[in-house]
């Protein structure tokens, strides 16, 4: 389970169940386990500080690589 955080202000954005060892390039919405208060859902996903984190593509979020950090473990499949 990964905790996705804003790279600018370090606030928690959401908890995400990552499958496989690859990079976090997209977050599938059905695997987001917990949302925190700091997320603004629009066409572009933003932290409350204003930093753009990703782009809503319908069933997933295309992540902007330098806009977020994460901690936790990935699930091997």
Protein backbone atom coordinates (compact mmCIF):
# COMPACT_ATOMS: atom_id res chain seq x y z
CA UNK A 1 0.00 0.00 0.00
CA UNK A 2 1.45 3.36 -1.04
CA UNK A 3 0.75 6.74 0.51
CA UNK A 4 0.83 9.39 -2.25
CA UNK A 5 1.96 12.85 -1.04
CA UNK A 6 2.29 16.28 -2.63
CA UNK A 7 5.93 17.06 -3.48
CA UNK A 8 5.46 20.75 -2.69
CA UNK A 9 3.73 20.76 0.72
CA UNK A 10 4.12 17.08 1.76
CA UNK A 11 0.41 16.65 2.61
CA UNK A 12 -1.10 13.19 2.16
CA UNK A 13 -3.29 12.90 -0.93
CA UNK A 14 -4.49 9.26 -0.99
CA UNK A 15 -3.62 5.66 -0.18
CA UNK A 16 -3.15 3.52 -3.28
CA UNK A 17 -2.77 -0.22 -3.82
CA UNK A 18 0.07 -0.49 -6.38
CA UNK A 19 0.40 -3.81 -8.20
CA UNK A 20 3.82 -4.70 -9.62
CA UNK A 21 7.23 -3.13 -9.24
CA UNK A 22 7.05 -0.46 -11.98
CA UNK A 23 6.85 3.30 -11.70
CA UNK A 24 3.70 5.08 -10.52
CA UNK A 25 2.67 6.51 -13.89
CA UNK A 26 -1.07 6.24 -13.38
CA UNK A 27 -3.35 5.57 -10.43
CA UNK A 28 -6.44 3.49 -11.21
CA UNK A 29 -9.40 4.93 -9.32
CA UNK A 30 -10.71 1.53 -8.16
CA UNK A 31 -7.39 0.93 -6.34
CA UNK A 32 -7.50 4.20 -4.36
CA UNK A 33 -8.33 2.97 -0.87
CA UNK A 34 -8.54 6.21 1.13
CA UNK A 35 -8.81 9.86 0.11
CA UNK A 36 -7.52 12.63 2.32
CA UNK A 37 -8.96 16.16 2.58
CA UNK A 38 -6.15 17.76 0.56
CA UNK A 39 -7.35 16.61 -2.90
CA UNK A 40 -9.36 18.82 -5.27
CA UNK A 41 -11.06 16.66 -7.92
CA UNK A 42 -11.52 18.45 -11.24
CA UNK A 43 -10.27 17.62 -14.74
CA UNK A 44 -6.82 18.24 -13.27
CA UNK A 45 -6.11 16.76 -9.85
CA UNK A 46 -4.63 19.36 -7.50
CA UNK A 47 -3.44 19.48 -3.93
CA UNK A 48 -4.96 22.17 -1.70
CA UNK A 49 -1.67 24.11 -2.02
CA UNK A 50 -2.39 24.49 -5.77
CA UNK A 51 0.21 22.04 -7.11
CA UNK A 52 -1.09 19.98 -10.05
CA UNK A 53 -0.66 16.27 -9.26
CA UNK A 54 -2.26 14.57 -12.26
CA UNK A 55 -4.88 14.59 -15.00
CA UNK A 56 -8.21 12.75 -14.73
CA UNK A 57 -8.54 10.32 -17.64
CA UNK A 58 -11.83 8.68 -16.61
CA UNK A 59 -10.95 5.33 -15.03
CA UNK A 60 -7.42 6.40 -14.01
CA UNK A 61 -5.33 9.44 -13.12
CA UNK A 62 -2.27 10.16 -15.26
CA UNK A 63 0.32 11.22 -12.69
CA UNK A 64 2.84 14.06 -13.13
CA UNK A 65 6.15 12.49 -12.08
CA UNK A 66 7.79 15.43 -10.26
CA UNK A 67 4.55 16.57 -8.54
CA UNK A 68 4.25 13.78 -5.97
CA UNK A 69 6.21 11.47 -3.71
CA UNK A 70 5.20 8.16 -2.18
CA UNK A 71 6.09 5.85 0.64
CA UNK A 72 5.08 2.30 1.44
CA UNK A 73 5.35 -1.02 -0.34
CA UNK A 74 4.24 -2.24 -3.77
CA UNK A 75 2.39 -5.57 -4.15
CA UNK A 76 4.30 -8.13 -6.23
CA UNK A 77 2.19 -10.04 -8.74
